[in-house]
C-alpha atoms as a PDB file:
ATOM      1  CA  UNK A   1       0.000   0.000   0.000  1.00  0.00           C
ATOM      2  CA  UNK A   2       2.849   2.355   0.903  1.00  0.00           C
ATOM      3  CA  UNK A   3       4.571   1.752  -2.437  1.00  0.00           C
ATOM      4  CA  UNK A   4       1.389   2.531  -4.366  1.00  0.00           C
ATOM      5  CA  UNK A   5       0.875   5.705  -2.354  1.00  0.00           C
ATOM      6  CA  UNK A   6       4.478   6.829  -2.991  1.00  0.00           C
ATOM      7  CA  UNK A   7       4.238   6.013  -6.713  1.00  0.00           C
ATOM      8  CA  UNK A   8       1.224   8.322  -6.948  1.00  0.00           C
ATOM      9  CA  UNK A   9       2.168  11.004  -4.404  1.00  0.00           C
ATOM     10  CA  UNK A  10       5.739  11.767  -5.514  1.00  0.00           C
ATOM     11  CA  UNK A  11       4.917  12.413  -9.206  1.00  0.00           C
ATOM     12  CA  UNK A  12       1.843  14.429  -8.155  1.00  0.00           C
ATOM     13  CA  UNK A  13       4.009  16.509  -5.813  1.00  0.00           C
ATOM     14  CA  UNK A  14       6.615  17.093  -8.523  1.00  0.00           C
ATOM     15  CA  UNK A  15       3.942  18.109 -11.035  1.00  0.00           C
ATOM     16  CA  UNK A  16       2.424  20.423  -8.445  1.00  0.00           C
ATOM     17  CA  UNK A  17       5.738  22.172  -7.751  1.00  0.00           C
ATOM     18  CA  UNK A  18       6.399  22.574 -11.481  1.00  0.00           C
ATOM     19  CA  UNK A  19       2.929  24.067 -12.001  1.00  0.00           C
ATOM     20  CA  UNK A  20       3.438  26.401  -9.016  1.00  0.00           C
ATOM     21  CA  UNK A  21       6.841  27.582 -10.336  1.00  0.00           C
ATOM     22  CA  UNK A  22       5.336  28.211 -13.783  1.00  0.00           C
ATOM     23  CA  UNK A  23       2.411  30.127 -12.257  1.00  0.00           C
ATOM     24  CA  UNK A  24       4.700  32.313 -10.105  1.00  0.00           C
ATOM     25  CA  UNK A  25       6.944  33.038 -13.105  1.00  0.00           C
ATOM     26  CA  UNK A  26       3.902  34.064 -15.149  1.00  0.00           C
ATOM     27  CA  UNK A  27       2.699  36.406 -12.356  1.00  0.00           C
ATOM     28  CA  UNK A  28       6.159  37.991 -12.043  1.00  0.00           C
ATOM     29  CA  UNK A  29       6.296  38.664 -15.785  1.00  0.00           C
ATOM     30  CA  UNK A  30       2.837  40.267 -15.688  1.00  0.00           C
ATOM     31  CA  UNK A  31       3.862  42.486 -12.755  1.00  0.00           C
ATOM     32  CA  UNK A  32       6.973  43.663 -14.618  1.00  0.00           C
ATOM     33  CA  UNK A  33       4.787  44.844 -17.505  1.00  0.00           C
ATOM     34  CA  UNK A  34       2.488  46.858 -15.214  1.00  0.00           C
ATOM     35  CA  UNK A  35       3.431  50.458 -14.410  1.00  0.00           C
ATOM     36  CA  UNK A  36       4.504  50.937 -10.818  1.00  0.00           C
ATOM     37  CA  UNK A  37       1.748  52.159  -8.536  1.00  0.00           C
ATOM     38  CA  UNK A  38       2.618  55.247  -6.516  1.00  0.00           C
ATOM     39  CA  UNK A  39       0.849  55.419  -3.183  1.00  0.00           C
ATOM     40  CA  UNK A  40      -0.887  58.544  -1.946  1.00  0.00           C
ATOM     41  CA  UNK A  41       1.509  58.738   0.997  1.00  0.00           C
ATOM     42  CA  UNK A  42       4.535  58.666  -1.313  1.00  0.00           C
ATOM     43  CA  UNK A  43       3.036  61.421  -3.469  1.00  0.00           C
ATOM     44  CA  UNK A  44       2.417  63.541  -0.370  1.00  0.00           C
ATOM     45  CA  UNK A  45       5.944  62.974   0.938  1.00  0.00           C
ATOM     46  CA  UNK A  46       7.490  63.888  -2.403  1.00  0.00           C
ATOM     47  CA  UNK A  47       5.474  67.095  -2.584  1.00  0.00           C
ATOM     48  CA  UNK A  48       6.455  67.995   0.998  1.00  0.00           C
ATOM     49  CA  UNK A  49      10.133  67.443   0.203  1.00  0.00           C
ATOM     50  CA  UNK A  50       9.817  69.544  -2.937  1.00  0.00           C
ATOM     51  CA  UNK A  51       8.133  72.343  -0.983  1.00  0.00           C
ATOM     52  CA  UNK A  52      10.817  72.212   1.713  1.00  0.00           C
ATOM     53  CA  UNK A  53      13.594  72.314  -0.903  1.00  0.00           C
ATOM     54  CA  UNK A  54      11.944  75.363  -2.497  1.00  0.00           C
ATOM     55  CA  UNK A  55      11.784  77.095   0.911  1.00  0.00           C
ATOM     56  CA  UNK A  56      15.466  76.373   1.473  1.00  0.00           C
ATOM     57  CA  UNK A  57      16.282  77.740  -1.954  1.00  0.00           C
ATOM     58  CA  UNK A  58      14.390  80.976  -1.255  1.00  0.00           C
ATOM     59  CA  UNK A  59      15.822  81.362   2.255  1.00  0.00           C
ATOM     60  CA  UNK A  60      17.894  84.474   2.822  1.00  0.00           C
ATOM     61  CA  UNK A  61      20.570  84.208   5.485  1.00  0.00           C
ATOM     62  CA  UNK A  62      20.073  86.857   8.141  1.00  0.00           C
ATOM     63  CA  UNK A  63      22.844  89.407   8.408  1.00  0.00           C
ATOM     64  CA  UNK A  64      24.170  90.704  11.687  1.00  0.00           C
ATOM     65  CA  UNK A  65      23.726  94.344  12.414  1.00  0.00           C
ATOM     66  CA  UNK A  66      26.922  96.186  13.240  1.00  0.00           C
ATOM     67  CA  UNK A  67      27.092  97.005  16.943  1.00  0.00           C
ATOM     68  CA  UNK A  68      26.139 100.540  17.859  1.00  0.00           C
ATOM     69  CA  UNK A  69      28.737 102.786  19.407  1.00  0.00           C
ATOM     70  CA  UNK A  70      26.379 103.554  22.289  1.00  0.00           C
ATOM     71  CA  UNK A  71      26.288  99.912  23.421  1.00  0.00           C
ATOM     72  CA  UNK A  72      30.009  99.797  24.164  1.00  0.00           C
ATOM     73  CA  UNK A  73      30.011 102.697  26.606  1.00  0.00           C
END
């Protein structure tokens, strides 16, 4: 009985793994053809970084005022 079970189970298992590998390969190829989805959170983060970079670009460094002569006395 064990031999009959093994003669049926092992080829079925091998066929199953081959079918699974083929199916996964097919799914991977389909995913490569699809354009990448950009999440809403990623879009928001990119826009925040762009806004921050623009603020840094427009930032003017404050200049120090020369000390008054009255302050030293």
